[in-house]
N, C-alpha and C. Protein backbone atom coordinates (compact mmCIF):
# COMPACT_ATOMS: atom_id res chain seq x y z
N MET A 1 1.04 -1.24 -0.20
CA MET A 1 -0.01 -0.21 -0.49
C MET A 1 0.78 0.82 -0.12
N ALA A 2 1.93 1.50 1.07
CA ALA A 2 2.90 2.12 0.80
C ALA A 2 3.48 2.36 -0.19
N ALA A 3 4.09 1.78 -1.25
CA ALA A 3 4.58 1.17 -2.20
C ALA A 3 4.04 2.17 -3.25
N LYS A 4 2.59 1.66 -3.54
CA LYS A 4 1.88 2.60 -4.58
C LYS A 4 1.70 3.82 -3.91
N LYS A 5 1.23 4.07 -3.29
CA LYS A 5 1.60 5.54 -2.62
C LYS A 5 2.49 6.47 -3.08
N SER A 6 3.35 5.62 -2.47
CA SER A 6 4.84 6.11 -2.89
C SER A 6 4.91 7.00 -4.54
N GLU A 7 3.86 5.50 -5.21
CA GLU A 7 4.50 5.59 -6.84
C GLU A 7 3.48 6.65 -7.34
N TYR A 8 2.66 6.87 -7.04
CA TYR A 8 1.04 8.00 -6.60
C TYR A 8 1.94 9.31 -6.67
N ILE A 9 2.22 9.62 -5.03
CA ILE A 9 2.71 10.86 -4.93
C ILE A 9 3.69 10.91 -5.81
N ASN A 10 4.84 10.01 -6.58
CA ASN A 10 6.33 10.66 -6.82
C ASN A 10 5.46 10.89 -8.57
N GLU A 11 4.39 10.33 -9.04
CA GLU A 11 3.82 10.66 -10.35
C GLU A 11 3.55 12.07 -10.15
N ALA A 12 2.62 11.87 -9.46
CA ALA A 12 2.30 13.96 -9.25
C ALA A 12 3.23 14.43 -9.30
N TYR A 13 4.47 14.25 -8.13
CA TYR A 13 5.69 15.19 -8.16
C TYR A 13 6.12 15.39 -8.96
N GLN A 14 5.66 14.20 -10.75
CA GLN A 14 6.94 14.67 -11.64
C GLN A 14 5.89 15.06 -12.59
N THR A 15 4.85 15.00 -12.38
CA THR A 15 3.93 16.21 -13.43
C THR A 15 3.88 17.59 -12.75
N LEU A 16 4.46 17.59 -11.63
CA LEU A 16 3.99 19.41 -11.02
C LEU A 16 5.26 19.58 -11.89
N GLU A 17 6.46 18.92 -11.68
CA GLU A 17 7.76 19.59 -11.75
C GLU A 17 7.82 20.21 -13.31
N VAL A 18 6.76 19.21 -14.45
CA VAL A 18 6.77 19.65 -15.94
C VAL A 18 6.11 20.72 -15.81
N ILE A 19 4.70 20.92 -15.47
CA ILE A 19 3.87 22.09 -15.07
C ILE A 19 4.33 23.29 -14.65
N SER A 20 5.16 22.95 -13.64
CA SER A 20 5.61 24.07 -13.37
C SER A 20 6.97 24.98 -14.40
N GLN A 21 7.69 24.47 -15.09
CA GLN A 21 8.26 24.96 -15.88
C GLN A 21 8.18 25.77 -17.10
N ASP A 22 6.57 25.05 -17.30
CA ASP A 22 5.84 26.10 -18.47
C ASP A 22 4.72 26.47 -17.94
N GLU A 23 4.42 27.97 -18.00
CA GLU A 23 3.59 29.37 -17.04
C GLU A 23 2.73 28.82 -17.91
N LYS A 24 2.20 28.59 -19.34
CA LYS A 24 0.84 28.55 -19.77
C LYS A 24 0.28 27.32 -19.03
N MET A 25 0.70 25.81 -18.90
CA MET A 25 0.35 24.56 -18.57
C MET A 25 0.09 24.75 -17.10
N ARG A 26 1.13 25.62 -16.51
CA ARG A 26 0.95 25.68 -15.03
C ARG A 26 -0.43 26.66 -15.02
N LEU A 27 -0.62 27.71 -15.63
CA LEU A 27 -1.93 28.47 -15.32
C LEU A 27 -3.12 27.68 -15.82
N ALA A 28 -3.17 27.02 -16.70
CA ALA A 28 -4.47 26.18 -17.09
C ALA A 28 -4.70 24.79 -15.96
N TYR A 29 -3.57 25.18 -15.67
CA TYR A 29 -3.73 24.06 -14.66
C TYR A 29 -4.39 24.21 -13.44
N LEU A 30 -4.17 25.53 -12.93
CA LEU A 30 -4.70 25.87 -11.73
C LEU A 30 -5.82 26.23 -11.84
N ALA A 31 -6.22 26.76 -13.49
CA ALA A 31 -8.09 26.94 -13.60
C ALA A 31 -8.62 25.98 -13.74
N ARG A 32 -8.18 24.90 -14.09
CA ARG A 32 -8.74 23.57 -13.90
C ARG A 32 -9.26 23.26 -12.15
N GLN A 33 -7.93 22.86 -11.50
CA GLN A 33 -8.55 22.68 -10.45
C GLN A 33 -9.61 23.91 -9.18
N LYS A 34 -9.20 25.33 -10.00
CA LYS A 34 -9.71 26.02 -9.33
C LYS A 34 -11.75 25.81 -9.93
N TYR A 35 -11.77 25.34 -11.21
CA TYR A 35 -13.15 24.49 -11.92
C TYR A 35 -13.78 23.41 -11.21
N ILE A 36 -12.69 22.89 -10.71
CA ILE A 36 -13.10 21.54 -10.05
C ILE A 36 -13.64 21.47 -8.84
N ALA A 37 -12.75 22.41 -8.25
CA ALA A 37 -13.50 22.93 -6.89
C ALA A 37 -14.30 23.69 -6.61
N ASP A 38 -15.00 24.50 -7.66
CA ASP A 38 -15.74 25.28 -8.04
C ASP A 38 -17.05 24.49 -8.45
N THR A 39 -16.94 23.75 -8.82
CA THR A 39 -18.13 22.53 -9.19
C THR A 39 -18.37 21.65 -8.31
N ASN A 40 -17.55 21.39 -7.39
CA ASN A 40 -18.12 20.36 -6.37
C ASN A 40 -18.28 21.13 -5.33
N THR A 41 -18.08 22.94 -5.12
CA THR A 41 -18.97 23.40 -4.07
C THR A 41 -20.38 24.05 -4.72
N LEU A 42 -20.68 24.34 -5.99
CA LEU A 42 -21.53 24.07 -6.47
C LEU A 42 -22.55 23.13 -6.34
N VAL A 43 -22.11 21.66 -6.64
CA VAL A 43 -23.15 20.57 -6.78
C VAL A 43 -23.38 20.10 -4.73
N GLN A 44 -22.63 20.60 -3.89
CA GLN A 44 -22.54 20.71 -2.48
C GLN A 44 -24.11 21.13 -2.02
N GLU A 45 -23.58 22.55 -2.40
CA GLU A 45 -24.79 23.40 -2.44
C GLU A 45 -26.07 23.22 -2.88
N ASN A 46 -26.11 22.61 -4.05
CA ASN A 46 -27.27 22.12 -4.61
C ASN A 46 -27.89 20.94 -3.70
N ILE A 47 -27.27 20.15 -2.93
CA ILE A 47 -27.52 18.60 -2.27
C ILE A 47 -28.33 19.90 -1.41
N GLU A 48 -27.48 20.05 -0.59
CA GLU A 48 -28.09 20.53 0.61
C GLU A 48 -29.32 21.44 0.12
N LYS A 49 -29.45 22.68 -0.87
CA LYS A 49 -30.41 23.51 -1.27
C LYS A 49 -32.10 22.32 -1.49
N GLY A 50 -31.50 21.07 -1.83
CA GLY A 50 -32.71 19.93 -1.94
C GLY A 50 -33.08 19.49 -1.11
N ILE A 51 -32.26 19.00 0.10
CA ILE A 51 -32.66 18.28 1.21
C ILE A 51 -33.66 19.11 1.81
N VAL A 52 -33.60 20.93 2.04
CA VAL A 52 -34.29 21.46 2.70
C VAL A 52 -35.70 21.83 2.31
N ILE A 53 -35.38 21.88 0.85
CA ILE A 53 -36.52 21.98 -0.08
C ILE A 53 -37.63 20.64 0.28
N GLY A 54 -36.51 19.71 -0.02
CA GLY A 54 -37.58 18.28 0.32
C GLY A 54 -38.19 18.10 1.84
N ARG A 55 -37.06 18.26 2.83
CA ARG A 55 -38.10 18.32 4.04
C ARG A 55 -39.16 19.58 3.82
N ALA A 56 -38.92 20.24 3.78
CA ALA A 56 -40.26 21.54 3.89
C ALA A 56 -41.54 20.57 3.01
N GLU A 57 -41.28 20.01 1.87
CA GLU A 57 -42.33 19.32 0.99
C GLU A 57 -43.19 18.54 1.50
N GLY A 58 -42.29 17.79 2.39
CA GLY A 58 -42.60 16.55 3.26
C GLY A 58 -43.40 16.70 4.83
N ARG A 59 -43.09 18.24 5.47
CA ARG A 59 -43.68 18.39 6.49
C ARG A 59 -45.30 18.78 5.83
N ALA A 60 -45.20 19.66 4.67
CA ALA A 60 -46.53 20.37 4.11
C ALA A 60 -47.40 19.18 3.59
N GLU A 61 -46.95 18.09 2.78
CA GLU A 61 -47.68 17.01 2.78
C GLU A 61 -48.09 16.47 4.04
N GLU A 62 -47.57 15.97 4.59
CA GLU A 62 -48.09 15.22 6.13
C GLU A 62 -48.92 16.24 6.66
N ARG A 63 -49.11 17.55 7.04
CA ARG A 63 -49.80 18.36 7.24
C ARG A 63 -51.10 18.65 6.35
N ARG A 64 -51.09 18.47 5.42
CA ARG A 64 -52.32 18.02 4.44
C ARG A 64 -52.79 16.40 4.87
N SER A 65 -52.39 15.43 4.66
CA SER A 65 -52.60 14.10 5.07
C SER A 65 -53.29 14.20 6.47
N LEU A 66 -52.53 14.90 7.42
CA LEU A 66 -53.31 15.19 8.51
C LEU A 66 -54.55 15.75 8.92
N ILE A 67 -54.80 16.89 8.23
CA ILE A 67 -55.95 17.57 8.02
C ILE A 67 -57.19 16.80 7.23
N GLU A 68 -56.74 15.77 6.04
CA GLU A 68 -57.78 14.79 5.22
C GLU A 68 -58.52 13.98 6.31
N LYS A 69 -57.12 13.20 7.14
CA LYS A 69 -57.74 12.64 8.14
C LYS A 69 -58.91 13.06 8.73
N LEU A 70 -58.29 14.27 9.74
CA LEU A 70 -59.29 14.69 10.73
C LEU A 70 -60.73 15.43 10.25
N ARG A 71 -60.58 15.75 8.75
CA ARG A 71 -61.84 15.78 8.20
C ARG A 71 -62.32 14.31 8.16
N ALA A 72 -62.27 13.59 7.57
CA ALA A 72 -62.72 12.59 7.14
C ALA A 72 -63.32 11.95 8.54
N ASP A 73 -62.87 12.15 10.20
CA ASP A 73 -63.07 11.55 10.70
C ASP A 73 -64.21 12.45 11.31
N GLY A 74 -64.91 13.85 11.30
CA GLY A 74 -65.33 14.49 11.17
C GLY A 74 -64.73 15.60 12.47
N ILE A 75 -64.17 15.72 12.02
CA ILE A 75 -63.39 16.72 13.55
C ILE A 75 -63.73 18.04 12.97
N ASP A 76 -64.44 18.66 13.87
CA ASP A 76 -64.75 20.30 13.86
C ASP A 76 -63.80 20.70 12.96
N GLU A 77 -64.65 21.65 12.16
CA GLU A 77 -63.56 22.62 11.32
C GLU A 77 -63.06 23.85 11.65
N GLU A 78 -63.20 24.09 12.62
CA GLU A 78 -63.02 25.15 13.43
C GLU A 78 -61.93 24.63 14.32
N PHE A 79 -61.68 23.40 14.74
CA PHE A 79 -60.62 22.75 15.29
C PHE A 79 -59.37 23.07 14.65
N ILE A 80 -59.88 22.25 13.22
CA ILE A 80 -58.58 22.08 11.85
C ILE A 80 -58.00 23.63 12.00
N LYS A 81 -58.96 24.72 11.35
CA LYS A 81 -58.69 25.59 11.56
C LYS A 81 -57.49 26.45 12.45
N LYS A 82 -57.82 26.25 13.84
CA LYS A 82 -57.05 26.70 14.64
C LYS A 82 -55.94 26.19 14.76
N TYR A 83 -55.81 24.91 14.37
CA TYR A 83 -54.39 23.96 14.65
C TYR A 83 -53.75 24.54 13.77
N PHE A 84 -54.17 24.42 12.53
CA PHE A 84 -53.58 23.95 11.10
C PHE A 84 -53.50 25.00 10.21
N GLU A 85 -54.15 25.97 10.38
CA GLU A 85 -53.80 27.35 9.58
C GLU A 85 -53.31 28.50 9.58
């Protein structure tokens, strides 16, 4: 495992040396790394927003379902309005 890790580190180091010697390649590499980081951040933010939206929709659906069940059981509309609307 350590040998493979060292192999990957050595390969990355060699790539870095080549890139460092060519300014255009270095800038392209940095731009690509920034793009990857920005994309990952955007994806994570959208996942978090989706979770929040999904939870809100789930709560609203549960509320509607509960109100329907109360109405089906003949619970007074004033009681329902008092606690759910």
